[in-house]
Amino acid sequence: MPLTYTILSSDSHVVEPPDTWNGRLPAKYRDRAPRVVADADGDWWIVDGVRTNSFQGGAQTGKRFDRPDELRPAGAFADVRPGAWDPKAFLADNDLDGVWGSVLYPTEGLSLFQVPDGALLAAIFAAYNDWLAEFCRYDARRLKGIAMIHVEDVPAAVAELGRTRTLGLVGAMITAGPAEDASYDRPEYDPFWAAAEDLEMPLSLHIATFRPQPGAGYEDNRSARPAVIANWDRYVKVSLAHLILTGVFERHPRLRVGSVEHELGWVPFFLDRLDYTYTQRARRPWWHRFKDGLPSDFFHRNVFLSFQEDALGIRDRLLIGIDQMMWGS
């Protein structure tokens, strides 16, 4: 008897069309909202006067595998597959790949986390969340959207988290790399962790969602340099370690936080270092002390891992925890 199964993608991406933000922001922000301009090498998003990302991801389908020499750092929206921005075509493309349902993340939205103005960023995120909710309503069984949340303004973040839950979105992404003065070991985030737990909204730390560092331009930021790209998992490790070692998951046992698109191979050593560091607490008496268990226990209970292609991680799947591993298309 043939094996039958359903494939679900824990990390698929839409490519936002040029009109995504049109008419969706308060009037005071409309001149600073994301817009697309044509350049010699392709179409580019301009946000608050800064050029961020192009359409190379959606315009070069399959080239990475078949014709990698043709890959380019920019592309035109006219060349983007309709399945990247039209829900009907998206599902048709999924059917071609044998994927039944998808959890949806943005493309330009990853770059938007670098917008320094928090109020503008929150407005841009809210407008995207409205657009994504409309996209997912085409087939809410198969399309599961992840909201974007600017978490540094905690009361506003709590409100937007609740609003997006009402819209039908199923989780939220927050920056994987906050600035040092807004790191996730700070107690002011507790109302947001509590809201995510109560609303049953898993939180995603997606690759390349960095907040800007003081004095850094876009081309100098943490997502633009090759050495940083090769070590992107550094930032998710620090953020997860803050959450674990300060007892966030102990206080909020139903909170789920995920590493998305950072692959898996780093996890075994990370878990070893967490437990080793924690058991040396005698030298640091002010560190948080769990009522029971080790840091790795909270990782296995509260953290999920979305990956695409990682032979090393699959090899070490028993050390990592099979129940935490979720494939993304």
C-alpha atoms as a PDB file:
ATOM      1  CA  MET A   1       0.000   0.000   0.000  1.00  0.00           C
ATOM      2  CA  PRO A   2       1.523   3.385  -0.989  1.00  0.00           C
ATOM      3  CA  LEU A   3       2.581   5.743   1.795  1.00  0.00           C
ATOM      4  CA  THR A   4       0.415   8.847   2.003  1.00  0.00           C
ATOM      5  CA  TYR A   5       1.370  11.928   3.962  1.00  0.00           C
ATOM      6  CA  THR A   6       0.882  15.680   4.104  1.00  0.00           C
ATOM      7  CA  ILE A   7       3.810  18.100   3.810  1.00  0.00           C
ATOM      8  CA  LEU A   8       3.606  21.337   5.773  1.00  0.00           C
ATOM      9  CA  SER A   9       6.120  24.148   5.367  1.00  0.00           C
ATOM     10  CA  SER A  10       7.013  25.941   8.590  1.00  0.00           C
ATOM     11  CA  ASP A  11       8.766  28.774   6.732  1.00  0.00           C
ATOM     12  CA  SER A  12       7.514  29.951   3.352  1.00  0.00           C
ATOM     13  CA  HIS A  13       7.728  33.530   2.095  1.00  0.00           C
ATOM     14  CA  VAL A  14       5.507  35.915   0.273  1.00  0.00           C
ATOM     15  CA  VAL A  15       7.089  38.602  -1.881  1.00  0.00           C
ATOM     16  CA  GLU A  16       5.296  41.835  -1.104  1.00  0.00           C
ATOM     17  CA  PRO A  17       3.957  43.511  -4.285  1.00  0.00           C
ATOM     18  CA  PRO A  18       4.761  47.198  -4.851  1.00  0.00           C
ATOM     19  CA  ASP A  19       1.299  48.326  -3.704  1.00  0.00           C
ATOM     20  CA  THR A  20       1.412  46.480  -0.370  1.00  0.00           C
ATOM     21  CA  TRP A  21       1.625  49.641   1.722  1.00  0.00           C
ATOM     22  CA  ASN A  22      -0.432  51.933  -0.541  1.00  0.00           C
ATOM     23  CA  GLY A  23      -3.142  53.658   1.468  1.00  0.00           C
ATOM     24  CA  ARG A  24      -2.574  51.505   4.541  1.00  0.00           C
ATOM     25  CA  LEU A  25      -0.548  53.886   6.720  1.00  0.00           C
ATOM     26  CA  PRO A  26      -1.634  56.996   8.632  1.00  0.00           C
ATOM     27  CA  ALA A  27      -1.290  60.117   6.496  1.00  0.00           C
ATOM     28  CA  LYS A  28       1.707  61.413   8.481  1.00  0.00           C
ATOM     29  CA  TYR A  29       3.762  58.376   7.440  1.00  0.00           C
ATOM     30  CA  ARG A  30       2.733  57.937   3.821  1.00  0.00           C
ATOM     31  CA  ASP A  31       5.713  59.802   2.346  1.00  0.00           C
ATOM     32  CA  ARG A  32       8.041  57.559   4.372  1.00  0.00           C
ATOM     33  CA  ALA A  33       6.290  54.281   3.661  1.00  0.00           C
ATOM     34  CA  PRO A  34       7.912  51.498   1.598  1.00  0.00           C
ATOM     35  CA  ARG A  35       7.680  52.205  -2.139  1.00  0.00           C
ATOM     36  CA  VAL A  36       9.302  50.704  -5.215  1.00  0.00           C
ATOM     37  CA  VAL A  37      11.518  52.579  -7.662  1.00  0.00           C
ATOM     38  CA  ALA A  38      13.126  51.251 -10.834  1.00  0.00           C
ATOM     39  CA  ASP A  39      16.906  51.327 -11.227  1.00  0.00           C
ATOM     40  CA  ALA A  40      19.241  50.039 -13.922  1.00  0.00           C
ATOM     41  CA  ASP A  41      19.731  46.684 -12.199  1.00  0.00           C
ATOM     42  CA  GLY A  42      16.155  46.126 -11.029  1.00  0.00           C
ATOM     43  CA  ASP A  43      13.346  47.423  -8.843  1.00  0.00           C
ATOM     44  CA  TRP A  44      14.199  48.466  -5.300  1.00  0.00           C
ATOM     45  CA  TRP A  45      12.266  49.203  -2.134  1.00  0.00           C
ATOM     46  CA  ILE A  46      12.830  52.681  -0.715  1.00  0.00           C
ATOM     47  CA  VAL A  47      11.862  53.143   2.937  1.00  0.00           C
ATOM     48  CA  ASP A  48      12.082  56.564   4.579  1.00  0.00           C
ATOM     49  CA  GLY A  49      14.514  57.621   1.862  1.00  0.00           C
ATOM     50  CA  VAL A  50      16.769  54.540   2.209  1.00  0.00           C
ATOM     51  CA  ARG A  51      17.175  51.812  -0.441  1.00  0.00           C
ATOM     52  CA  THR A  52      16.717  48.426   1.214  1.00  0.00           C
ATOM     53  CA  ASN A  53      15.926  45.311  -0.836  1.00  0.00           C
ATOM     54  CA  SER A  54      15.143  44.308  -4.411  1.00  0.00           C
ATOM     55  CA  PHE A  55      13.098  41.447  -5.908  1.00  0.00           C
ATOM     56  CA  GLN A  56      15.911  39.000  -6.623  1.00  0.00           C
ATOM     57  CA  GLY A  57      14.408  36.337  -4.374  1.00  0.00           C
ATOM     58  CA  GLY A  58      11.121  36.048  -6.201  1.00  0.00           C
ATOM     59  CA  ALA A  59      12.538  36.661  -9.674  1.00  0.00           C
ATOM     60  CA  GLN A  60      15.156  33.889  -9.795  1.00  0.00           C
ATOM     61  CA  THR A  61      13.124  30.782  -9.087  1.00  0.00           C
ATOM     62  CA  GLY A  62      15.226  27.624  -9.296  1.00  0.00           C
ATOM     63  CA  LYS A  63      18.442  29.296 -10.432  1.00  0.00           C
ATOM     64  CA  ARG A  64      20.296  28.494  -7.227  1.00  0.00           C
ATOM     65  CA  PHE A  65      20.009  24.806  -8.065  1.00  0.00           C
ATOM     66  CA  ASP A  66      20.030  24.791 -11.859  1.00  0.00           C
ATOM     67  CA  ARG A  67      21.972  27.876 -13.017  1.00  0.00           C
ATOM     68  CA  PRO A  68      23.761  29.450 -10.026  1.00  0.00           C
ATOM     69  CA  ASP A  69      26.031  31.496 -12.309  1.00  0.00           C
ATOM     70  CA  GLU A  70      22.960  33.498 -13.351  1.00  0.00           C
ATOM     71  CA  LEU A  71      22.081  34.653  -9.819  1.00  0.00           C
ATOM     72  CA  ARG A  72      21.988  38.431  -9.398  1.00  0.00           C
ATOM     73  CA  PRO A  73      21.630  40.683  -6.321  1.00  0.00           C
ATOM     74  CA  ALA A  74      18.607  42.505  -7.760  1.00  0.00           C
ATOM     75  CA  GLY A  75      15.544  41.828  -9.885  1.00  0.00           C
ATOM     76  CA  ALA A  76      12.424  43.356 -11.380  1.00  0.00           C
ATOM     77  CA  PHE A  77       8.988  42.811  -9.875  1.00  0.00           C
ATOM     78  CA  ALA A  78       7.677  41.949 -13.362  1.00  0.00           C
ATOM     79  CA  ASP A  79       9.843  38.822 -13.215  1.00  0.00           C
ATOM     80  CA  VAL A  80       8.518  37.657  -9.846  1.00  0.00           C
ATOM     81  CA  ARG A  81       6.371  34.520 -10.015  1.00  0.00           C
ATOM     82  CA  PRO A  82       2.706  35.375  -9.289  1.00  0.00           C
ATOM     83  CA  GLY A  83       2.745  32.601  -6.707  1.00  0.00           C
ATOM     84  CA  ALA A  84       4.928  34.845  -4.537  1.00  0.00           C
ATOM     85  CA  TRP A  85       2.228  37.480  -4.056  1.00  0.00           C
ATOM     86  CA  ASP A  86      -1.120  36.082  -5.267  1.00  0.00           C
ATOM     87  CA  PRO A  87      -2.685  33.528  -2.866  1.00  0.00           C
ATOM     88  CA  LYS A  88      -4.398  31.474  -5.566  1.00  0.00           C
ATOM     89  CA  ALA A  89      -1.164  31.132  -7.527  1.00  0.00           C
ATOM     90  CA  PHE A  90       0.757  30.540  -4.286  1.00  0.00           C
ATOM     91  CA  LEU A  91      -1.361  27.487  -3.498  1.00  0.00           C
ATOM     92  CA  ALA A  92      -1.051  26.238  -7.063  1.00  0.00           C
ATOM     93  CA  ASP A  93       2.744  26.409  -6.765  1.00  0.00           C
ATOM     94  CA  ASN A  94       2.553  24.592  -3.442  1.00  0.00           C
ATOM     95  CA  ASP A  95       0.538  21.859  -5.099  1.00  0.00           C
ATOM     96  CA  LEU A  96       3.287  21.467  -7.707  1.00  0.00           C
ATOM     97  CA  ASP A  97       5.770  20.914  -4.881  1.00  0.00           C
ATOM     98  CA  GLY A  98       3.524  18.602  -2.879  1.00  0.00           C
ATOM     99  CA  VAL A  99       3.187  21.116  -0.027  1.00  0.00           C
ATOM    100  CA  TRP A 100      -0.313  21.312   1.453  1.00  0.00           C
ATOM    101  CA  GLY A 101       0.003  24.172   3.934  1.00  0.00           C
ATOM    102  CA  SER A 102       2.465  26.983   4.639  1.00  0.00           C
ATOM    103  CA  VAL A 103       3.422  29.299   7.462  1.00  0.00           C
ATOM    104  CA  LEU A 104       4.090  32.662   5.831  1.00  0.00           C
ATOM    105  CA  TYR A 105       6.894  35.163   6.431  1.00  0.00           C
ATOM    106  CA  PRO A 106       7.746  38.360   4.513  1.00  0.00           C
ATOM    107  CA  THR A 107      10.622  39.179   2.182  1.00  0.00           C
ATOM    108  CA  GLU A 108      11.036  42.963   2.194  1.00  0.00           C
ATOM    109  CA  GLY A 109       9.732  42.782   5.748  1.00  0.00           C
ATOM    110  CA  LEU A 110      13.003  41.246   6.933  1.00  0.00           C
ATOM    111  CA  SER A 111      14.865  44.415   5.934  1.00  0.00           C
ATOM    112  CA  LEU A 112      12.259  46.617   7.576  1.00  0.00           C
ATOM    113  CA  PHE A 113      13.408  45.657  11.058  1.00  0.00           C
ATOM    114  CA  GLN A 114      16.373  47.962  10.406  1.00  0.00           C
ATOM    115  CA  VAL A 115      14.180  51.085  10.221  1.00  0.00           C
ATOM    116  CA  PRO A 116      15.426  53.103  13.212  1.00  0.00           C
ATOM    117  CA  ASP A 117      12.235  55.125  13.861  1.00  0.00           C
ATOM    118  CA  GLY A 118      10.162  52.855  16.097  1.00  0.00           C
ATOM    119  CA  ALA A 119       6.866  54.650  15.558  1.00  0.00           C
ATOM    120  CA  LEU A 120       7.253  54.501  11.772  1.00  0.00           C
ATOM    121  CA  LEU A 121       8.265  50.865  11.991  1.00  0.00           C
ATOM    122  CA  ALA A 122       5.212  49.939  14.055  1.00  0.00           C
ATOM    123  CA  ALA A 123       2.939  51.630  11.500  1.00  0.00           C
ATOM    124  CA  ILE A 124       4.642  49.850   8.583  1.00  0.00           C
ATOM    125  CA  PHE A 125       4.323  46.519  10.384  1.00  0.00           C
ATOM    126  CA  ALA A 126       0.633  47.065  11.157  1.00  0.00           C
ATOM    127  CA  ALA A 127      -0.072  47.816   7.490  1.00  0.00           C
ATOM    128  CA  TYR A 128       1.769  44.674   6.396  1.00  0.00           C
ATOM    129  CA  ASN A 129      -0.170  42.636   8.954  1.00  0.00           C
ATOM    130  CA  ASP A 130      -3.430  43.876   7.421  1.00  0.00           C
ATOM    131  CA  TRP A 131      -2.235  42.913   3.930  1.00  0.00           C
ATOM    132  CA  LEU A 132      -1.068  39.478   5.063  1.00  0.00           C
ATOM    133  CA  ALA A 133      -4.344  38.760   6.855  1.00  0.00           C
ATOM    134  CA  GLU A 134      -6.191  39.486   3.603  1.00  0.00           C
ATOM    135  CA  PHE A 135      -3.783  37.162   1.731  1.00  0.00           C
ATOM    136  CA  CYS A 136      -4.397  34.326   4.189  1.00  0.00           C
ATOM    137  CA  ARG A 137      -8.164  34.699   4.163  1.00  0.00           C
ATOM    138  CA  TYR A 138      -8.150  33.275   0.632  1.00  0.00           C
ATOM    139  CA  ASP A 139      -7.743  29.853   2.282  1.00  0.00           C
ATOM    140  CA  ALA A 140      -7.273  30.066   6.036  1.00  0.00           C
ATOM    141  CA  ARG A 141      -6.794  26.301   6.323  1.00  0.00           C
ATOM    142  CA  ARG A 142      -3.664  26.252   4.174  1.00  0.00           C
ATOM    143  CA  LEU A 143      -2.246  29.771   4.618  1.00  0.00           C
ATOM    144  CA  LYS A 144      -1.037  30.685   8.110  1.00  0.00           C
ATOM    145  CA  GLY A 145       0.366  34.182   8.451  1.00  0.00           C
ATOM    146  CA  ILE A 146       2.986  35.432  10.896  1.00  0.00           C
ATOM    147  CA  ALA A 147       2.589  39.032  12.035  1.00  0.00           C
ATOM    148  CA  MET A 148       5.478  41.462  12.299  1.00  0.00           C
ATOM    149  CA  ILE A 149       5.718  43.181  15.697  1.00  0.00           C
ATOM    150  CA  HIS A 150       7.952  46.043  16.831  1.00  0.00           C
ATOM    151  CA  VAL A 151       8.508  44.838  20.359  1.00  0.00           C
ATOM    152  CA  GLU A 152      10.556  47.690  21.842  1.00  0.00           C
ATOM    153  CA  ASP A 153       7.379  49.647  22.666  1.00  0.00           C
ATOM    154  CA  VAL A 154       5.945  46.930  24.886  1.00  0.00           C
ATOM    155  CA  PRO A 155       2.390  48.254  25.458  1.00  0.00           C
ATOM    156  CA  ALA A 156       1.949  48.954  21.745  1.00  0.00           C
ATOM    157  CA  ALA A 157       3.420  45.535  20.920  1.00  0.00           C
ATOM    158  CA  VAL A 158       0.940  43.813  23.237  1.00  0.00           C
ATOM    159  CA  ALA A 159      -1.929  45.674  21.583  1.00  0.00           C
ATOM    160  CA  GLU A 160      -0.755  44.795  18.053  1.00  0.00           C
ATOM    161  CA  LEU A 161      -0.253  41.172  19.029  1.00  0.00           C
ATOM    162  CA  GLY A 162      -3.868  40.971  20.174  1.00  0.00           C
ATOM    163  CA  ARG A 163      -5.107  42.795  17.078  1.00  0.00           C
ATOM    164  CA  THR A 164      -3.306  40.453  14.711  1.00  0.00           C
ATOM    165  CA  ARG A 165      -4.628  37.421  16.581  1.00  0.00           C
ATOM    166  CA  THR A 166      -8.131  38.781  15.960  1.00  0.00           C
ATOM    167  CA  LEU A 167      -7.249  39.239  12.275  1.00  0.00           C
ATOM    168  CA  GLY A 168      -6.509  35.524  12.062  1.00  0.00           C
ATOM    169  CA  LEU A 169      -2.705  35.539  12.049  1.00  0.00           C
ATOM    170  CA  VAL A 170      -1.254  32.613  13.972  1.00  0.00           C
ATOM    171  CA  GLY A 171       2.056  33.874  15.359  1.00  0.00           C
ATOM    172  CA  ALA A 172       4.390  36.858  15.383  1.00  0.00           C
ATOM    173  CA  MET A 173       7.965  37.591  14.450  1.00  0.00           C
ATOM    174  CA  ILE A 174      10.119  39.881  16.547  1.00  0.00           C
ATOM    175  CA  THR A 175      13.690  40.947  15.953  1.00  0.00           C
ATOM    176  CA  ALA A 176      16.213  38.140  16.267  1.00  0.00           C
ATOM    177  CA  GLY A 177      18.947  40.683  16.971  1.00  0.00           C
ATOM    178  CA  PRO A 178      17.811  43.515  19.235  1.00  0.00           C
ATOM    179  CA  ALA A 179      20.166  46.337  20.061  1.00  0.00           C
ATOM    180  CA  GLU A 180      22.123  45.720  23.247  1.00  0.00           C
ATOM    181  CA  ASP A 181      20.089  48.267  25.196  1.00  0.00           C
ATOM    182  CA  ALA A 182      16.897  46.382  24.246  1.00  0.00           C
ATOM    183  CA  SER A 183      18.083  42.777  24.745  1.00  0.00           C
ATOM    184  CA  TYR A 184      15.609  40.097  25.782  1.00  0.00           C
ATOM    185  CA  ASP A 185      16.991  39.655  29.309  1.00  0.00           C
ATOM    186  CA  ARG A 186      15.211  42.860  30.353  1.00  0.00           C
ATOM    187  CA  PRO A 187      12.184  42.572  32.647  1.00  0.00           C
ATOM    188  CA  GLU A 188      10.169  45.217  30.792  1.00  0.00           C
ATOM    189  CA  TYR A 189       9.345  42.601  28.141  1.00  0.00           C
ATOM    190  CA  ASP A 190       7.444  40.396  30.588  1.00  0.00           C
ATOM    191  CA  PRO A 191       3.982  41.774  29.658  1.00  0.00           C
ATOM    192  CA  PHE A 192       4.682  40.881  26.030  1.00  0.00           C
ATOM    193  CA  TRP A 193       5.817  37.347  26.866  1.00  0.00           C
ATOM    194  CA  ALA A 194       2.681  36.951  28.982  1.00  0.00           C
ATOM    195  CA  ALA A 195       0.451  38.214  26.167  1.00  0.00           C
ATOM    196  CA  ALA A 196       2.019  35.845  23.632  1.00  0.00           C
ATOM    197  CA  GLU A 197       1.493  32.962  26.041  1.00  0.00           C
ATOM    198  CA  ASP A 198      -2.129  33.887  26.781  1.00  0.00           C
ATOM    199  CA  LEU A 199      -2.968  34.468  23.102  1.00  0.00           C
ATOM    200  CA  GLU A 200      -1.218  31.233  22.072  1.00  0.00           C
ATOM    201  CA  MET A 201       0.872  33.194  19.573  1.00  0.00           C
ATOM    202  CA  PRO A 202       4.275  31.541  19.034  1.00  0.00           C
ATOM    203  CA  LEU A 203       7.090  34.047  18.529  1.00  0.00           C
ATOM    204  CA  SER A 204       9.596  33.676  15.700  1.00  0.00           C
ATOM    205  CA  LEU A 205      13.197  34.870  15.629  1.00  0.00           C
ATOM    206  CA  HIS A 206      13.705  34.833  11.865  1.00  0.00           C
ATOM    207  CA  ILE A 207      17.081  35.168  10.241  1.00  0.00           C
ATOM    208  CA  ALA A 208      18.174  38.704   9.194  1.00  0.00           C
ATOM    209  CA  THR A 209      15.621  40.575  11.323  1.00  0.00           C
ATOM    210  CA  PHE A 210      18.102  42.902  13.020  1.00  0.00           C
ATOM    211  CA  ARG A 211      17.559  46.222  14.717  1.00  0.00           C
ATOM    212  CA  PRO A 212      20.071  48.904  13.686  1.00  0.00           C
ATOM    213  CA  GLN A 213      23.152  49.620  15.732  1.00  0.00           C
ATOM    214  CA  PRO A 214      24.097  53.234  16.532  1.00  0.00           C
ATOM    215  CA  GLY A 215      25.951  54.908  13.684  1.00  0.00           C
ATOM    216  CA  ALA A 216      25.473  52.042  11.188  1.00  0.00           C
ATOM    217  CA  GLY A 217      24.162  52.694   7.696  1.00  0.00           C
ATOM    218  CA  TYR A 218      22.218  50.078   5.769  1.00  0.00           C
ATOM    219  CA  GLU A 219      25.275  48.766   3.919  1.00  0.00           C
ATOM    220  CA  ASP A 220      27.173  48.495   7.238  1.00  0.00           C
ATOM    221  CA  ASN A 221      24.464  46.703   9.173  1.00  0.00           C
ATOM    222  CA  ARG A 222      24.420  43.150  10.459  1.00  0.00           C
ATOM    223  CA  SER A 223      22.681  41.642   7.443  1.00  0.00           C
ATOM    224  CA  ALA A 224      24.863  43.047   4.654  1.00  0.00           C
ATOM    225  CA  ARG A 225      28.412  41.724   5.210  1.00  0.00           C
ATOM    226  CA  PRO A 226      29.445  38.195   4.190  1.00  0.00           C
ATOM    227  CA  ALA A 227      31.227  37.360   7.453  1.00  0.00           C
ATOM    228  CA  VAL A 228      28.086  38.282   9.359  1.00  0.00           C
ATOM    229  CA  ILE A 229      25.852  36.293   7.010  1.00  0.00           C
ATOM    230  CA  ALA A 230      28.014  33.224   7.658  1.00  0.00           C
ATOM    231  CA  ASN A 231      27.439  33.681  11.410  1.00  0.00           C
ATOM    232  CA  TRP A 232      23.824  34.813  11.594  1.00  0.00           C
ATOM    233  CA  ASP A 233      23.051  32.117  14.161  1.00  0.00           C
ATOM    234  CA  ARG A 234      25.126  34.088  16.672  1.00  0.00           C
ATOM    235  CA  TYR A 235      22.268  36.518  17.238  1.00  0.00           C
ATOM    236  CA  VAL A 236      19.507  33.979  17.700  1.00  0.00           C
ATOM    237  CA  LYS A 237      21.694  32.106  20.178  1.00  0.00           C
ATOM    238  CA  VAL A 238      22.175  35.226  22.299  1.00  0.00           C
ATOM    239  CA  SER A 239      18.459  36.053  22.217  1.00  0.00           C
ATOM    240  CA  LEU A 240      17.405  32.509  23.119  1.00  0.00           C
ATOM    241  CA  ALA A 241      20.017  32.333  25.858  1.00  0.00           C
ATOM    242  CA  HIS A 242      18.684  35.555  27.388  1.00  0.00           C
ATOM    243  CA  LEU A 243      15.165  34.132  27.394  1.00  0.00           C
ATOM    244  CA  ILE A 244      16.252  30.838  28.913  1.00  0.00           C
ATOM    245  CA  LEU A 245      18.824  31.962  31.470  1.00  0.00           C
ATOM    246  CA  THR A 246      16.703  34.784  32.906  1.00  0.00           C
ATOM    247  CA  GLY A 247      13.791  32.428  33.560  1.00  0.00           C
ATOM    248  CA  VAL A 248      11.336  33.732  30.956  1.00  0.00           C
ATOM    249  CA  PHE A 249      10.232  30.200  30.051  1.00  0.00           C
ATOM    250  CA  GLU A 250      10.013  29.239  33.706  1.00  0.00           C
ATOM    251  CA  ARG A 251       7.606  32.140  34.341  1.00  0.00           C
ATOM    252  CA  HIS A 252       5.723  31.522  31.076  1.00  0.00           C
ATOM    253  CA  PRO A 253       5.724  27.748  30.555  1.00  0.00           C
ATOM    254  CA  ARG A 254       3.346  27.852  27.565  1.00  0.00           C
ATOM    255  CA  LEU A 255       5.349  30.466  25.646  1.00  0.00           C
ATOM    256  CA  ARG A 256       6.855  29.120  22.425  1.00  0.00           C
ATOM    257  CA  VAL A 257       9.762  30.887  20.706  1.00  0.00           C
ATOM    258  CA  GLY A 258      11.325  29.659  17.474  1.00  0.00           C
ATOM    259  CA  SER A 259      14.581  29.927  15.603  1.00  0.00           C
ATOM    260  CA  VAL A 260      13.574  30.317  11.954  1.00  0.00           C
ATOM    261  CA  GLU A 261      15.954  29.717   9.029  1.00  0.00           C
ATOM    262  CA  HIS A 262      19.081  29.547  11.190  1.00  0.00           C
ATOM    263  CA  GLU A 263      19.301  25.811  10.454  1.00  0.00           C
ATOM    264  CA  LEU A 264      20.187  23.245  13.140  1.00  0.00           C
ATOM    265  CA  GLY A 265      23.865  22.339  13.353  1.00  0.00           C
ATOM    266  CA  TRP A 266      24.656  24.922  16.034  1.00  0.00           C
ATOM    267  CA  VAL A 267      22.152  23.519  18.536  1.00  0.00           C
ATOM    268  CA  PRO A 268      24.050  20.643  20.246  1.00  0.00           C
ATOM    269  CA  PHE A 269      27.049  22.796  21.175  1.00  0.00           C
ATOM    270  CA  PHE A 270      24.742  25.649  22.216  1.00  0.00           C
ATOM    271  CA  LEU A 271      22.866  23.360  24.614  1.00  0.00           C
ATOM    272  CA  ASP A 272      26.121  22.086  26.067  1.00  0.00           C
ATOM    273  CA  ARG A 273      27.329  25.643  26.663  1.00  0.00           C
ATOM    274  CA  LEU A 274      24.031  26.686  28.276  1.00  0.00           C
ATOM    275  CA  ASP A 275      24.155  23.877  30.797  1.00  0.00           C
ATOM    276  CA  TYR A 276      27.878  24.273  31.436  1.00  0.00           C
ATOM    277  CA  THR A 277      27.513  28.000  32.045  1.00  0.00           C
ATOM    278  CA  TYR A 278      24.508  27.534  34.309  1.00  0.00           C
ATOM    279  CA  THR A 279      26.137  24.883  36.471  1.00  0.00           C
ATOM    280  CA  GLN A 280      29.013  27.265  37.200  1.00  0.00           C
ATOM    281  CA  ARG A 281      26.603  29.593  38.996  1.00  0.00           C
ATOM    282  CA  ALA A 282      28.569  29.302  42.226  1.00  0.00           C
ATOM    283  CA  ARG A 283      30.887  31.876  40.679  1.00  0.00           C
ATOM    284  CA  ARG A 284      27.937  34.151  39.766  1.00  0.00           C
ATOM    285  CA  PRO A 285      25.493  34.117  42.701  1.00  0.00           C
ATOM    286  CA  TRP A 286      23.230  36.791  41.184  1.00  0.00           C
ATOM    287  CA  TRP A 287      22.246  34.682  38.157  1.00  0.00           C
ATOM    288  CA  HIS A 288      18.719  33.347  37.917  1.00  0.00           C
ATOM    289  CA  ARG A 289      18.292  29.911  39.491  1.00  0.00           C
ATOM    290  CA  PHE A 290      15.589  27.534  38.235  1.00  0.00           C
ATOM    291  CA  LYS A 291      13.304  25.797  40.679  1.00  0.00           C
ATOM    292  CA  ASP A 292      13.986  22.613  38.758  1.00  0.00           C
ATOM    293  CA  GLY A 293      15.889  21.580  35.665  1.00  0.00           C
ATOM    294  CA  LEU A 294      18.682  22.827  33.431  1.00  0.00           C
ATOM    295  CA  PRO A 295      18.668  25.408  30.635  1.00  0.00           C
ATOM    296  CA  SER A 296      18.565  22.650  28.024  1.00  0.00           C
ATOM    297  CA  ASP A 297      15.310  21.377  29.558  1.00  0.00           C
ATOM    298  CA  PHE A 298      13.628  24.724  28.873  1.00  0.00           C
ATOM    299  CA  PHE A 299      15.074  24.793  25.366  1.00  0.00           C
ATOM    300  CA  HIS A 300      13.545  21.391  24.627  1.00  0.00           C
ATOM    301  CA  ARG A 301      10.191  22.415  26.098  1.00  0.00           C
ATOM    302  CA  ASN A 302       9.740  25.940  24.775  1.00  0.00           C
ATOM    303  CA  VAL A 303      11.865  26.392  21.636  1.00  0.00           C
ATOM    304  CA  PHE A 304      11.065  25.224  18.101  1.00  0.00           C
ATOM    305  CA  LEU A 305      13.469  25.070  15.164  1.00  0.00           C
ATOM    306  CA  SER A 306      12.575  25.722  11.539  1.00  0.00           C
ATOM    307  CA  PHE A 307      15.181  24.607   8.990  1.00  0.00           C
ATOM    308  CA  GLN A 308      15.570  24.182   5.235  1.00  0.00           C
ATOM    309  CA  GLU A 309      18.699  22.184   4.435  1.00  0.00           C
ATOM    310  CA  ASP A 310      21.215  21.097   7.048  1.00  0.00           C
ATOM    311  CA  ALA A 311      22.846  17.695   6.754  1.00  0.00           C
ATOM    312  CA  LEU A 312      24.832  18.239   9.954  1.00  0.00           C
ATOM    313  CA  GLY A 313      21.695  19.051  11.888  1.00  0.00           C
ATOM    314  CA  ILE A 314      19.837  16.048  10.542  1.00  0.00           C
ATOM    315  CA  ARG A 315      22.788  13.879  11.540  1.00  0.00           C
ATOM    316  CA  ASP A 316      22.517  15.181  15.125  1.00  0.00           C
ATOM    317  CA  ARG A 317      18.730  15.117  15.244  1.00  0.00           C
ATOM    318  CA  LEU A 318      18.569  12.959  18.381  1.00  0.00           C
ATOM    319  CA  LEU A 319      20.739  15.438  20.288  1.00  0.00           C
ATOM    320  CA  ILE A 320      18.683  18.364  19.024  1.00  0.00           C
ATOM    321  CA  GLY A 321      15.227  16.862  19.542  1.00  0.00           C
ATOM    322  CA  ILE A 322      13.173  15.593  16.627  1.00  0.00           C
ATOM    323  CA  ASP A 323       9.928  16.949  18.081  1.00  0.00           C
ATOM    324  CA  GLN A 324      11.299  20.506  17.847  1.00  0.00           C
ATOM    325  CA  MET A 325      12.428  20.310  14.219  1.00  0.00           C
ATOM    326  CA  MET A 326      10.169  21.698  11.498  1.00  0.00           C
ATOM    327  CA  TRP A 327      11.021  21.811   7.802  1.00  0.00           C
ATOM    328  CA  GLY A 328      10.468  24.952   5.760  1.00  0.00           C
ATOM    329  CA  SER A 329      10.044  25.173   1.988  1.00  0.00           C
END
